[in-house]
């Protein structure tokens, strides 16, 4: 139904910044809970950040204070501003939608049913 396309990934040195974008088409995401997830080689997918339809945000402890998730419902887009990047942030980053989430467990991957293909982020030391 709703197609998600991520962009903005790339290679950056440790301490640098990147801004990821998630563009939705084919339907509105204004009522959706939106999340950013990442998966590094040899590791399972983990939730990075989430934002509710009203703009309430949630972050993984590993990125709190460094990453900022935001959304622009008028543009049908979600963003992830990543600052002070570390090599351990290297991963494929994907955005996804959820129709509902559980308070305190907002970043459970199983709740997200619609996924983009991802954009690669590589942080060199």
PDB file of N, CA and C in Angstrom:
ATOM      1  N   UNK A   1       0.839  -1.196   0.000  1.00  0.00           N
ATOM      2  CA  UNK A   1       0.000   0.000   0.000  1.00  0.00           C
ATOM      3  C   UNK A   1       0.876   1.248   0.000  1.00  0.00           C
ATOM      4  N   UNK A   2       1.457   1.565   1.153  1.00  0.00           N
ATOM      5  CA  UNK A   2       2.366   2.697   1.249  1.00  0.00           C
ATOM      6  C   UNK A   2       3.777   2.201   0.963  1.00  0.00           C
ATOM      7  N   UNK A   3       4.415   2.839   0.014  1.00  0.00           N
ATOM      8  CA  UNK A   3       5.786   2.511  -0.317  1.00  0.00           C
ATOM      9  C   UNK A   3       6.735   3.487   0.372  1.00  0.00           C
ATOM     10  N   UNK A   4       7.807   2.959   0.919  1.00  0.00           N
ATOM     11  CA  UNK A   4       8.781   3.761   1.635  1.00  0.00           C
ATOM     12  C   UNK A   4      10.128   3.668   0.937  1.00  0.00           C
ATOM     13  N   UNK A   5      10.757   4.800   0.748  1.00  0.00           N
ATOM     14  CA  UNK A   5      12.058   4.858   0.112  1.00  0.00           C
ATOM     15  C   UNK A   5      12.985   5.706   0.964  1.00  0.00           C
ATOM     16  N   UNK A   6      14.072   5.104   1.418  1.00  0.00           N
ATOM     17  CA  UNK A   6      15.051   5.809   2.231  1.00  0.00           C
ATOM     18  C   UNK A   6      16.135   6.418   1.347  1.00  0.00           C
ATOM     19  N   UNK A   7      16.701   7.491   1.824  1.00  0.00           N
ATOM     20  CA  UNK A   7      17.812   8.119   1.137  1.00  0.00           C
ATOM     21  C   UNK A   7      18.655   8.873   2.153  1.00  0.00           C
ATOM     22  N   UNK A   8      19.814   9.304   1.730  1.00  0.00           N
ATOM     23  CA  UNK A   8      20.673  10.105   2.580  1.00  0.00           C
ATOM     24  C   UNK A   8      21.831   9.362   3.198  1.00  0.00           C
ATOM     25  N   UNK A   9      21.888   8.066   2.996  1.00  0.00           N
ATOM     26  CA  UNK A   9      22.995   7.303   3.536  1.00  0.00           C
ATOM     27  C   UNK A   9      24.284   7.600   2.798  1.00  0.00           C
ATOM     28  N   UNK A  10      25.364   7.120   3.349  1.00  0.00           N
ATOM     29  CA  UNK A  10      26.657   7.333   2.748  1.00  0.00           C
ATOM     30  C   UNK A  10      27.756   6.974   3.710  1.00  0.00           C
ATOM     31  N   UNK A  11      28.945   7.369   3.346  1.00  0.00           N
ATOM     32  CA  UNK A  11      30.126   7.115   4.160  1.00  0.00           C
ATOM     33  C   UNK A  11      30.572   8.407   4.822  1.00  0.00           C
ATOM     34  N   UNK A  12      30.846   8.330   6.102  1.00  0.00           N
ATOM     35  CA  UNK A  12      31.241   9.500   6.866  1.00  0.00           C
ATOM     36  C   UNK A  12      32.246   9.084   7.927  1.00  0.00           C
ATOM     37  N   UNK A  13      33.102   9.997   8.299  1.00  0.00           N
ATOM     38  CA  UNK A  13      34.060   9.733   9.358  1.00  0.00           C
ATOM     39  C   UNK A  13      33.405   9.827  10.722  1.00  0.00           C
ATOM     40  N   UNK A  14      33.985   9.141  11.676  1.00  0.00           N
ATOM     41  CA  UNK A  14      33.485   9.214  13.042  1.00  0.00           C
ATOM     42  C   UNK A  14      33.405  10.662  13.499  1.00  0.00           C
ATOM     43  N   UNK A  15      32.315  10.983  14.154  1.00  0.00           N
ATOM     44  CA  UNK A  15      32.071  12.344  14.587  1.00  0.00           C
ATOM     45  C   UNK A  15      31.272  13.168  13.604  1.00  0.00           C
ATOM     46  N   UNK A  16      31.091  12.648  12.416  1.00  0.00           N
ATOM     47  CA  UNK A  16      30.351  13.356  11.398  1.00  0.00           C
ATOM     48  C   UNK A  16      28.860  13.180  11.535  1.00  0.00           C
ATOM     49  N   UNK A  17      28.140  13.735  10.569  1.00  0.00           N
ATOM     50  CA  UNK A  17      26.686  13.731  10.607  1.00  0.00           C
ATOM     51  C   UNK A  17      26.110  13.307   9.270  1.00  0.00           C
ATOM     52  N   UNK A  18      24.940  12.729   9.334  1.00  0.00           N
ATOM     53  CA  UNK A  18      24.157  12.395   8.162  1.00  0.00           C
ATOM     54  C   UNK A  18      22.694  12.623   8.484  1.00  0.00           C
ATOM     55  N   UNK A  19      21.931  12.938   7.469  1.00  0.00           N
ATOM     56  CA  UNK A  19      20.493  13.069   7.613  1.00  0.00           C
ATOM     57  C   UNK A  19      19.815  12.102   6.660  1.00  0.00           C
ATOM     58  N   UNK A  20      19.108  11.161   7.211  1.00  0.00           N
ATOM     59  CA  UNK A  20      18.378  10.194   6.427  1.00  0.00           C
ATOM     60  C   UNK A  20      16.951  10.672   6.206  1.00  0.00           C
ATOM     61  N   UNK A  21      16.432  10.369   5.040  1.00  0.00           N
ATOM     62  CA  UNK A  21      15.066  10.714   4.709  1.00  0.00           C
ATOM     63  C   UNK A  21      14.297   9.460   4.343  1.00  0.00           C
ATOM     64  N   UNK A  22      13.040   9.455   4.681  1.00  0.00           N
ATOM     65  CA  UNK A  22      12.142   8.372   4.333  1.00  0.00           C
ATOM     66  C   UNK A  22      10.936   8.984   3.652  1.00  0.00           C
ATOM     67  N   UNK A  23      10.815   8.744   2.374  1.00  0.00           N
ATOM     68  CA  UNK A  23       9.721   9.288   1.591  1.00  0.00           C
ATOM     69  C   UNK A  23       8.651   8.229   1.391  1.00  0.00           C
ATOM     70  N   UNK A  24       7.435   8.579   1.696  1.00  0.00           N
ATOM     71  CA  UNK A  24       6.313   7.666   1.544  1.00  0.00           C
ATOM     72  C   UNK A  24       5.474   8.070   0.353  1.00  0.00           C
ATOM     73  N   UNK A  25       4.982   7.086  -0.345  1.00  0.00           N
ATOM     74  CA  UNK A  25       4.112   7.327  -1.476  1.00  0.00           C
ATOM     75  C   UNK A  25       3.030   6.261  -1.521  1.00  0.00           C
ATOM     76  N   UNK A  26       1.971   6.562  -2.246  1.00  0.00           N
ATOM     77  CA  UNK A  26       0.883   5.613  -2.367  1.00  0.00           C
ATOM     78  C   UNK A  26      -0.108   5.651  -1.227  1.00  0.00           C
ATOM     79  N   UNK A  27       0.107   6.511  -0.283  1.00  0.00           N
ATOM     80  CA  UNK A  27      -0.769   6.633   0.863  1.00  0.00           C
ATOM     81  C   UNK A  27      -0.140   7.533   1.904  1.00  0.00           C
ATOM     82  N   UNK A  28      -0.941   7.978   2.833  1.00  0.00           N
ATOM     83  CA  UNK A  28      -0.440   8.883   3.861  1.00  0.00           C
ATOM     84  C   UNK A  28       0.130   8.110   5.041  1.00  0.00           C
ATOM     85  N   UNK A  29       1.150   8.682   5.650  1.00  0.00           N
ATOM     86  CA  UNK A  29       1.718   8.122   6.861  1.00  0.00           C
ATOM     87  C   UNK A  29       1.380   8.977   8.069  1.00  0.00           C
ATOM     88  N   UNK A  30       0.501   9.941   7.874  1.00  0.00           N
ATOM     89  CA  UNK A  30       0.208  10.893   8.933  1.00  0.00           C
ATOM     90  C   UNK A  30      -0.364  10.243  10.182  1.00  0.00           C
ATOM     91  N   UNK A  31      -1.039   9.131  10.030  1.00  0.00           N
ATOM     92  CA  UNK A  31      -1.629   8.433  11.169  1.00  0.00           C
ATOM     93  C   UNK A  31      -0.771   7.280  11.659  1.00  0.00           C
ATOM     94  N   UNK A  32       0.376   7.084  11.045  1.00  0.00           N
ATOM     95  CA  UNK A  32       1.222   5.942  11.364  1.00  0.00           C
ATOM     96  C   UNK A  32       2.284   6.290  12.391  1.00  0.00           C
ATOM     97  N   UNK A  33       2.634   5.301  13.187  1.00  0.00           N
ATOM     98  CA  UNK A  33       3.839   5.403  13.983  1.00  0.00           C
ATOM     99  C   UNK A  33       5.005   5.028  13.081  1.00  0.00           C
ATOM    100  N   UNK A  34       6.006   5.871  13.026  1.00  0.00           N
ATOM    101  CA  UNK A  34       7.131   5.671  12.132  1.00  0.00           C
ATOM    102  C   UNK A  34       8.384   5.335  12.923  1.00  0.00           C
ATOM    103  N   UNK A  35       9.134   4.406  12.405  1.00  0.00           N
ATOM    104  CA  UNK A  35      10.351   4.000  13.077  1.00  0.00           C
ATOM    105  C   UNK A  35      11.524   3.890  12.134  1.00  0.00           C
ATOM    106  N   UNK A  36      12.692   4.103  12.688  1.00  0.00           N
ATOM    107  CA  UNK A  36      13.945   3.842  11.995  1.00  0.00           C
ATOM    108  C   UNK A  36      14.623   2.651  12.666  1.00  0.00           C
ATOM    109  N   UNK A  37      15.076   1.744  11.864  1.00  0.00           N
ATOM    110  CA  UNK A  37      15.759   0.555  12.337  1.00  0.00           C
ATOM    111  C   UNK A  37      17.080   0.413  11.609  1.00  0.00           C
ATOM    112  N   UNK A  38      17.964  -0.359  12.178  1.00  0.00           N
ATOM    113  CA  UNK A  38      19.235  -0.603  11.517  1.00  0.00           C
ATOM    114  C   UNK A  38      19.655  -2.045  11.714  1.00  0.00           C
ATOM    115  N   UNK A  39      20.428  -2.521  10.771  1.00  0.00           N
ATOM    116  CA  UNK A  39      20.942  -3.863  10.842  1.00  0.00           C
ATOM    117  C   UNK A  39      22.368  -3.869  10.323  1.00  0.00           C
ATOM    118  N   UNK A  40      23.274  -4.254  11.180  1.00  0.00           N
ATOM    119  CA  UNK A  40      24.675  -4.363  10.827  1.00  0.00           C
ATOM    120  C   UNK A  40      24.979  -5.793  10.426  1.00  0.00           C
ATOM    121  N   UNK A  41      26.041  -6.001   9.649  1.00  0.00           N
ATOM    122  CA  UNK A  41      26.400  -7.368   9.253  1.00  0.00           C
ATOM    123  C   UNK A  41      26.589  -8.273  10.459  1.00  0.00           C
ATOM    124  N   UNK A  42      25.953  -9.425  10.407  1.00  0.00           N
ATOM    125  CA  UNK A  42      26.072 -10.392  11.480  1.00  0.00           C
ATOM    126  C   UNK A  42      25.246 -10.091  12.707  1.00  0.00           C
ATOM    127  N   UNK A  43      24.450  -9.040  12.670  1.00  0.00           N
ATOM    128  CA  UNK A  43      23.635  -8.671  13.811  1.00  0.00           C
ATOM    129  C   UNK A  43      22.168  -8.613  13.418  1.00  0.00           C
ATOM    130  N   UNK A  44      21.316  -8.746  14.412  1.00  0.00           N
ATOM    131  CA  UNK A  44      19.888  -8.645  14.176  1.00  0.00           C
ATOM    132  C   UNK A  44      19.465  -7.194  14.060  1.00  0.00           C
ATOM    133  N   UNK A  45      18.329  -7.003  13.427  1.00  0.00           N
ATOM    134  CA  UNK A  45      17.786  -5.664  13.289  1.00  0.00           C
ATOM    135  C   UNK A  45      17.425  -5.090  14.653  1.00  0.00           C
ATOM    136  N   UNK A  46      17.744  -3.831  14.846  1.00  0.00           N
ATOM    137  CA  UNK A  46      17.423  -3.167  16.087  1.00  0.00           C
ATOM    138  C   UNK A  46      16.722  -1.845  15.831  1.00  0.00           C
ATOM    139  N   UNK A  47      15.823  -1.505  16.713  1.00  0.00           N
ATOM    140  CA  UNK A  47      15.144  -0.233  16.619  1.00  0.00           C
ATOM    141  C   UNK A  47      16.057   0.898  17.020  1.00  0.00           C
ATOM    142  N   UNK A  48      16.024   1.971  16.279  1.00  0.00           N
ATOM    143  CA  UNK A  48      16.863   3.133  16.524  1.00  0.00           C
ATOM    144  C   UNK A  48      16.057   4.287  17.089  1.00  0.00           C
ATOM    145  N   UNK A  49      14.981   4.619  16.417  1.00  0.00           N
ATOM    146  CA  UNK A  49      14.168   5.751  16.823  1.00  0.00           C
ATOM    147  C   UNK A  49      12.759   5.580  16.305  1.00  0.00           C
ATOM    148  N   UNK A  50      11.819   6.159  17.002  1.00  0.00           N
ATOM    149  CA  UNK A  50      10.432   6.110  16.585  1.00  0.00           C
ATOM    150  C   UNK A  50       9.744   7.419  16.873  1.00  0.00           C
ATOM    151  N   UNK A  51       8.706   7.688  16.115  1.00  0.00           N
ATOM    152  CA  UNK A  51       7.949   8.918  16.299  1.00  0.00           C
ATOM    153  C   UNK A  51       6.478   8.640  16.055  1.00  0.00           C
ATOM    154  N   UNK A  52       5.649   9.118  16.944  1.00  0.00           N
ATOM    155  CA  UNK A  52       4.220   8.915  16.841  1.00  0.00           C
ATOM    156  C   UNK A  52       3.615   9.900  15.858  1.00  0.00           C
ATOM    157  N   UNK A  53       2.338   9.700  15.579  1.00  0.00           N
ATOM    158  CA  UNK A  53       1.642  10.605  14.674  1.00  0.00           C
ATOM    159  C   UNK A  53       1.630  12.034  15.201  1.00  0.00           C
ATOM    160  N   UNK A  54       1.654  12.177  16.515  1.00  0.00           N
ATOM    161  CA  UNK A  54       1.643  13.493  17.127  1.00  0.00           C
ATOM    162  C   UNK A  54       3.033  14.066  17.346  1.00  0.00           C
ATOM    163  N   UNK A  55       4.059  13.288  17.044  1.00  0.00           N
ATOM    164  CA  UNK A  55       5.413  13.787  17.152  1.00  0.00           C
ATOM    165  C   UNK A  55       6.176  13.358  18.388  1.00  0.00           C
ATOM    166  N   UNK A  56       5.611  12.505  19.203  1.00  0.00           N
ATOM    167  CA  UNK A  56       6.329  12.009  20.367  1.00  0.00           C
ATOM    168  C   UNK A  56       7.399  11.025  19.927  1.00  0.00           C
ATOM    169  N   UNK A  57       8.601  11.193  20.455  1.00  0.00           N
ATOM    170  CA  UNK A  57       9.745  10.425  19.982  1.00  0.00           C
ATOM    171  C   UNK A  57      10.248   9.440  21.019  1.00  0.00           C
ATOM    172  N   UNK A  58      10.877   8.406  20.519  1.00  0.00           N
ATOM    173  CA  UNK A  58      11.512   7.384  21.327  1.00  0.00           C
ATOM    174  C   UNK A  58      12.833   7.024  20.676  1.00  0.00           C
ATOM    175  N   UNK A  59      13.851   6.784  21.498  1.00  0.00           N
ATOM    176  CA  UNK A  59      15.170   6.471  20.979  1.00  0.00           C
ATOM    177  C   UNK A  59      15.770   5.287  21.704  1.00  0.00           C
ATOM    178  N   UNK A  60      16.561   4.542  20.959  1.00  0.00           N
ATOM    179  CA  UNK A  60      17.378   3.530  21.594  1.00  0.00           C
ATOM    180  C   UNK A  60      18.438   4.210  22.446  1.00  0.00           C
ATOM    181  N   UNK A  61      18.792   3.580  23.543  1.00  0.00           N
ATOM    182  CA  UNK A  61      19.784   4.173  24.428  1.00  0.00           C
ATOM    183  C   UNK A  61      21.101   4.453  23.710  1.00  0.00           C
ATOM    184  N   UNK A  62      21.433   3.623  22.748  1.00  0.00           N
ATOM    185  CA  UNK A  62      22.703   3.756  22.064  1.00  0.00           C
ATOM    186  C   UNK A  62      22.805   5.003  21.198  1.00  0.00           C
ATOM    187  N   UNK A  63      21.668   5.587  20.845  1.00  0.00           N
ATOM    188  CA  UNK A  63      21.683   6.759  19.977  1.00  0.00           C
ATOM    189  C   UNK A  63      21.096   7.989  20.639  1.00  0.00           C
ATOM    190  N   UNK A  64      20.577   7.845  21.821  1.00  0.00           N
ATOM    191  CA  UNK A  64      19.939   8.956  22.509  1.00  0.00           C
ATOM    192  C   UNK A  64      20.931  10.098  22.702  1.00  0.00           C
ATOM    193  N   UNK A  65      20.505  11.289  22.353  1.00  0.00           N
ATOM    194  CA  UNK A  65      21.348  12.453  22.443  1.00  0.00           C
ATOM    195  C   UNK A  65      22.145  12.723  21.196  1.00  0.00           C
ATOM    196  N   UNK A  66      22.211  11.756  20.303  1.00  0.00           N
ATOM    197  CA  UNK A  66      22.949  11.917  19.057  1.00  0.00           C
ATOM    198  C   UNK A  66      22.046  11.940  17.837  1.00  0.00           C
ATOM    199  N   UNK A  67      20.978  11.152  17.882  1.00  0.00           N
ATOM    200  CA  UNK A  67      20.064  11.057  16.751  1.00  0.00           C
ATOM    201  C   UNK A  67      18.769  11.783  17.068  1.00  0.00           C
ATOM    202  N   UNK A  68      18.145  12.328  16.050  1.00  0.00           N
ATOM    203  CA  UNK A  68      16.858  12.986  16.190  1.00  0.00           C
ATOM    204  C   UNK A  68      15.938  12.545  15.064  1.00  0.00           C
ATOM    205  N   UNK A  69      14.805  11.997  15.432  1.00  0.00           N
ATOM    206  CA  UNK A  69      13.809  11.617  14.449  1.00  0.00           C
ATOM    207  C   UNK A  69      12.765  12.721  14.359  1.00  0.00           C
ATOM    208  N   UNK A  70      12.307  12.972  13.171  1.00  0.00           N
ATOM    209  CA  UNK A  70      11.281  13.980  12.966  1.00  0.00           C
ATOM    210  C   UNK A  70      10.407  13.564  11.794  1.00  0.00           C
ATOM    211  N   UNK A  71       9.288  14.236  11.664  1.00  0.00           N
ATOM    212  CA  UNK A  71       8.397  13.924  10.560  1.00  0.00           C
ATOM    213  C   UNK A  71       7.755  15.191  10.036  1.00  0.00           C
ATOM    214  N   UNK A  72       7.418  15.156   8.791  1.00  0.00           N
ATOM    215  CA  UNK A  72       6.692  16.235   8.147  1.00  0.00           C
ATOM    216  C   UNK A  72       5.522  15.581   7.434  1.00  0.00           C
ATOM    217  N   UNK A  73       4.398  15.558   8.098  1.00  0.00           N
ATOM    218  CA  UNK A  73       3.241  14.876   7.545  1.00  0.00           C
ATOM    219  C   UNK A  73       2.739  15.532   6.265  1.00  0.00           C
ATOM    220  N   UNK A  74       2.932  16.839   6.155  1.00  0.00           N
ATOM    221  CA  UNK A  74       2.506  17.529   4.948  1.00  0.00           C
ATOM    222  C   UNK A  74       3.294  17.077   3.735  1.00  0.00           C
ATOM    223  N   UNK A  75       4.524  16.632   3.968  1.00  0.00           N
ATOM    224  CA  UNK A  75       5.372  16.129   2.901  1.00  0.00           C
ATOM    225  C   UNK A  75       5.403  14.609   2.849  1.00  0.00           C
ATOM    226  N   UNK A  76       4.712  13.984   3.795  1.00  0.00           N
ATOM    227  CA  UNK A  76       4.674  12.535   3.857  1.00  0.00           C
ATOM    228  C   UNK A  76       6.083  11.956   3.990  1.00  0.00           C
ATOM    229  N   UNK A  77       6.868  12.576   4.871  1.00  0.00           N
ATOM    230  CA  UNK A  77       8.257  12.172   5.034  1.00  0.00           C
ATOM    231  C   UNK A  77       8.648  12.081   6.503  1.00  0.00           C
ATOM    232  N   UNK A  78       9.634  11.272   6.751  1.00  0.00           N
ATOM    233  CA  UNK A  78      10.230  11.107   8.065  1.00  0.00           C
ATOM    234  C   UNK A  78      11.737  11.228   7.908  1.00  0.00           C
ATOM    235  N   UNK A  79      12.378  11.782   8.921  1.00  0.00           N
ATOM    236  CA  UNK A  79      13.809  12.032   8.853  1.00  0.00           C
ATOM    237  C   UNK A  79      14.508  11.462  10.076  1.00  0.00           C
ATOM    238  N   UNK A  80      15.778  11.210   9.901  1.00  0.00           N
ATOM    239  CA  UNK A  80      16.630  10.824  11.011  1.00  0.00           C
ATOM    240  C   UNK A  80      17.921  11.609  10.903  1.00  0.00           C
ATOM    241  N   UNK A  81      18.076  12.584  11.771  1.00  0.00           N
ATOM    242  CA  UNK A  81      19.309  13.345  11.841  1.00  0.00           C
ATOM    243  C   UNK A  81      20.275  12.608  12.746  1.00  0.00           C
ATOM    244  N   UNK A  82      21.425  12.268  12.220  1.00  0.00           N
ATOM    245  CA  UNK A  82      22.411  11.502  12.954  1.00  0.00           C
ATOM    246  C   UNK A  82      23.663  12.349  13.129  1.00  0.00           C
ATOM    247  N   UNK A  83      23.975  12.662  14.364  1.00  0.00           N
ATOM    248  CA  UNK A  83      25.155  13.445  14.694  1.00  0.00           C
ATOM    249  C   UNK A  83      26.113  12.613  15.528  1.00  0.00           C
ATOM    250  N   UNK A  84      27.345  13.082  15.603  1.00  0.00           N
ATOM    251  CA  UNK A  84      28.376  12.396  16.395  1.00  0.00           C
ATOM    252  C   UNK A  84      28.416  10.915  16.089  1.00  0.00           C
ATOM    253  N   UNK A  85      28.445  10.599  14.829  1.00  0.00           N
ATOM    254  CA  UNK A  85      28.387   9.211  14.401  1.00  0.00           C
ATOM    255  C   UNK A  85      29.609   8.433  14.864  1.00  0.00           C
ATOM    256  N   UNK A  86      29.366   7.193  15.183  1.00  0.00           N
ATOM    257  CA  UNK A  86      30.394   6.279  15.642  1.00  0.00           C
ATOM    258  C   UNK A  86      30.494   5.105  14.688  1.00  0.00           C
ATOM    259  N   UNK A  87      31.648   4.447  14.644  1.00  0.00           N
ATOM    260  CA  UNK A  87      31.766   3.273  13.777  1.00  0.00           C
ATOM    261  C   UNK A  87      30.698   2.220  14.041  1.00  0.00           C
ATOM    262  N   UNK A  88      30.288   2.078  15.284  1.00  0.00           N
ATOM    263  CA  UNK A  88      29.262   1.100  15.606  1.00  0.00           C
ATOM    264  C   UNK A  88      27.885   1.475  15.080  1.00  0.00           C
ATOM    265  N   UNK A  89      27.739   2.684  14.545  1.00  0.00           N
ATOM    266  CA  UNK A  89      26.498   3.074  13.893  1.00  0.00           C
ATOM    267  C   UNK A  89      26.407   2.541  12.473  1.00  0.00           C
ATOM    268  N   UNK A  90      27.481   1.982  11.977  1.00  0.00           N
ATOM    269  CA  UNK A  90      27.495   1.444  10.629  1.00  0.00           C
ATOM    270  C   UNK A  90      26.454   0.347  10.486  1.00  0.00           C
ATOM    271  N   UNK A  91      25.560   0.515   9.535  1.00  0.00           N
ATOM    272  CA  UNK A  91      24.474  -0.440   9.343  1.00  0.00           C
ATOM    273  C   UNK A  91      23.636  -0.012   8.151  1.00  0.00           C
ATOM    274  N   UNK A  92      22.751  -0.903   7.758  1.00  0.00           N
ATOM    275  CA  UNK A  92      21.707  -0.559   6.817  1.00  0.00           C
ATOM    276  C   UNK A  92      20.542   0.001   7.618  1.00  0.00           C
ATOM    277  N   UNK A  93      20.130   1.204   7.285  1.00  0.00           N
ATOM    278  CA  UNK A  93      19.058   1.870   8.003  1.00  0.00           C
ATOM    279  C   UNK A  93      17.777   1.826   7.190  1.00  0.00           C
ATOM    280  N   UNK A  94      16.708   1.386   7.826  1.00  0.00           N
ATOM    281  CA  UNK A  94      15.420   1.270   7.172  1.00  0.00           C
ATOM    282  C   UNK A  94      14.356   2.007   7.970  1.00  0.00           C
ATOM    283  N   UNK A  95      13.404   2.567   7.269  1.00  0.00           N
ATOM    284  CA  UNK A  95      12.245   3.136   7.940  1.00  0.00           C
ATOM    285  C   UNK A  95      11.072   2.192   7.776  1.00  0.00           C
ATOM    286  N   UNK A  96      10.117   2.311   8.667  1.00  0.00           N
ATOM    287  CA  UNK A  96       8.991   1.401   8.667  1.00  0.00           C
ATOM    288  C   UNK A  96       7.798   2.051   9.347  1.00  0.00           C
ATOM    289  N   UNK A  97       6.623   1.512   9.069  1.00  0.00           N
ATOM    290  CA  UNK A  97       5.389   2.017   9.663  1.00  0.00           C
ATOM    291  C   UNK A  97       4.758   0.967  10.555  1.00  0.00           C
ATOM    292  N   UNK A  98       4.071   1.449  11.567  1.00  0.00           N
ATOM    293  CA  UNK A  98       3.282   0.602  12.443  1.00  0.00           C
ATOM    294  C   UNK A  98       1.936   1.264  12.668  1.00  0.00           C
ATOM    295  N   UNK A  99       0.901   0.463  12.688  1.00  0.00           N
ATOM    296  CA  UNK A  99      -0.427   1.006  12.949  1.00  0.00           C
ATOM    297  C   UNK A  99      -0.644   1.307  14.422  1.00  0.00           C
ATOM    298  N   UNK A 100       0.066   0.603  15.264  1.00  0.00           N
ATOM    299  CA  UNK A 100      -0.003   0.834  16.697  1.00  0.00           C
ATOM    300  C   UNK A 100       1.259   0.295  17.331  1.00  0.00           C
ATOM    301  N   UNK A 101       1.603   0.855  18.466  1.00  0.00           N
ATOM    302  CA  UNK A 101       2.753   0.412  19.233  1.00  0.00           C
ATOM    303  C   UNK A 101       2.377   0.359  20.701  1.00  0.00           C
ATOM    304  N   UNK A 102       3.238  -0.259  21.463  1.00  0.00           N
ATOM    305  CA  UNK A 102       3.025  -0.399  22.890  1.00  0.00           C
ATOM    306  C   UNK A 102       3.908   0.601  23.612  1.00  0.00           C
ATOM    307  N   UNK A 103       3.337   1.318  24.531  1.00  0.00           N
ATOM    308  CA  UNK A 103       4.107   2.277  25.313  1.00  0.00           C
ATOM    309  C   UNK A 103       5.243   1.565  26.041  1.00  0.00           C
ATOM    310  N   UNK A 104       6.441   2.097  25.873  1.00  0.00           N
ATOM    311  CA  UNK A 104       7.609   1.485  26.462  1.00  0.00           C
ATOM    312  C   UNK A 104       8.232   0.403  25.607  1.00  0.00           C
ATOM    313  N   UNK A 105       7.539   0.008  24.549  1.00  0.00           N
ATOM    314  CA  UNK A 105       8.029  -1.005  23.621  1.00  0.00           C
ATOM    315  C   UNK A 105       7.776  -0.545  22.189  1.00  0.00           C
ATOM    316  N   UNK A 106       7.987   0.724  21.950  1.00  0.00           N
ATOM    317  CA  UNK A 106       7.617   1.311  20.664  1.00  0.00           C
ATOM    318  C   UNK A 106       8.434   0.792  19.496  1.00  0.00           C
ATOM    319  N   UNK A 107       9.616   0.285  19.766  1.00  0.00           N
ATOM    320  CA  UNK A 107      10.522  -0.095  18.693  1.00  0.00           C
ATOM    321  C   UNK A 107      10.608  -1.597  18.498  1.00  0.00           C
ATOM    322  N   UNK A 108       9.567  -2.297  18.855  1.00  0.00           N
ATOM    323  CA  UNK A 108       9.518  -3.725  18.570  1.00  0.00           C
ATOM    324  C   UNK A 108       9.369  -3.924  17.068  1.00  0.00           C
ATOM    325  N   UNK A 109      10.341  -4.530  16.416  1.00  0.00           N
ATOM    326  CA  UNK A 109      10.269  -4.668  14.954  1.00  0.00           C
ATOM    327  C   UNK A 109       9.034  -5.395  14.462  1.00  0.00           C
ATOM    328  N   UNK A 110       8.512  -6.322  15.243  1.00  0.00           N
ATOM    329  CA  UNK A 110       7.363  -7.101  14.797  1.00  0.00           C
ATOM    330  C   UNK A 110       6.108  -6.265  14.646  1.00  0.00           C
ATOM    331  N   UNK A 111       6.057  -5.107  15.269  1.00  0.00           N
ATOM    332  CA  UNK A 111       4.905  -4.233  15.161  1.00  0.00           C
ATOM    333  C   UNK A 111       4.890  -3.447  13.858  1.00  0.00           C
ATOM    334  N   UNK A 112       6.008  -3.419  13.200  1.00  0.00           N
ATOM    335  CA  UNK A 112       6.129  -2.647  11.975  1.00  0.00           C
ATOM    336  C   UNK A 112       5.924  -3.562  10.774  1.00  0.00           C
ATOM    337  N   UNK A 113       4.926  -3.241   9.984  1.00  0.00           N
ATOM    338  CA  UNK A 113       4.495  -4.129   8.915  1.00  0.00           C
ATOM    339  C   UNK A 113       4.910  -3.670   7.527  1.00  0.00           C
ATOM    340  N   UNK A 114       5.291  -2.443   7.398  1.00  0.00           N
ATOM    341  CA  UNK A 114       5.630  -1.880   6.100  1.00  0.00           C
ATOM    342  C   UNK A 114       7.036  -1.299   6.176  1.00  0.00           C
ATOM    343  N   UNK A 115       7.915  -1.792   5.333  1.00  0.00           N
ATOM    344  CA  UNK A 115       9.326  -1.454   5.405  1.00  0.00           C
ATOM    345  C   UNK A 115       9.862  -0.920   4.092  1.00  0.00           C
ATOM    346  N   UNK A 116      10.797  -0.003   4.202  1.00  0.00           N
ATOM    347  CA  UNK A 116      11.548   0.415   3.039  1.00  0.00           C
ATOM    348  C   UNK A 116      12.709  -0.529   2.802  1.00  0.00           C
ATOM    349  N   UNK A 117      13.428  -0.300   1.739  1.00  0.00           N
ATOM    350  CA  UNK A 117      14.535  -1.174   1.374  1.00  0.00           C
ATOM    351  C   UNK A 117      15.829  -0.835   2.092  1.00  0.00           C
ATOM    352  N   UNK A 118      15.925   0.356   2.628  1.00  0.00           N
ATOM    353  CA  UNK A 118      17.071   0.718   3.429  1.00  0.00           C
ATOM    354  C   UNK A 118      18.097   1.555   2.691  1.00  0.00           C
ATOM    355  N   UNK A 119      18.891   2.258   3.474  1.00  0.00           N
ATOM    356  CA  UNK A 119      20.003   3.032   2.951  1.00  0.00           C
ATOM    357  C   UNK A 119      21.221   2.768   3.830  1.00  0.00           C
ATOM    358  N   UNK A 120      22.351   2.575   3.200  1.00  0.00           N
ATOM    359  CA  UNK A 120      23.555   2.176   3.915  1.00  0.00           C
ATOM    360  C   UNK A 120      24.238   3.371   4.548  1.00  0.00           C
ATOM    361  N   UNK A 121      24.611   3.209   5.805  1.00  0.00           N
ATOM    362  CA  UNK A 121      25.398   4.197   6.526  1.00  0.00           C
ATOM    363  C   UNK A 121      26.687   3.532   6.969  1.00  0.00           C
ATOM    364  N   UNK A 122      27.795   4.112   6.585  1.00  0.00           N
ATOM    365  CA  UNK A 122      29.096   3.581   6.950  1.00  0.00           C
ATOM    366  C   UNK A 122      29.894   4.668   7.652  1.00  0.00           C
ATOM    367  N   UNK A 123      30.326   4.380   8.855  1.00  0.00           N
ATOM    368  CA  UNK A 123      31.085   5.333   9.654  1.00  0.00           C
ATOM    369  C   UNK A 123      32.481   4.770   9.859  1.00  0.00           C
ATOM    370  N   UNK A 124      33.459   5.474   9.382  1.00  0.00           N
ATOM    371  CA  UNK A 124      34.838   5.029   9.486  1.00  0.00           C
ATOM    372  C   UNK A 124      35.514   5.674  10.679  1.00  0.00           C
ATOM    373  N   UNK A 125      36.462   4.962  11.245  1.00  0.00           N
ATOM    374  CA  UNK A 125      37.197   5.464  12.396  1.00  0.00           C
ATOM    375  C   UNK A 125      38.465   6.178  11.966  1.00  0.00           C
TER     376      UNK A 125
END
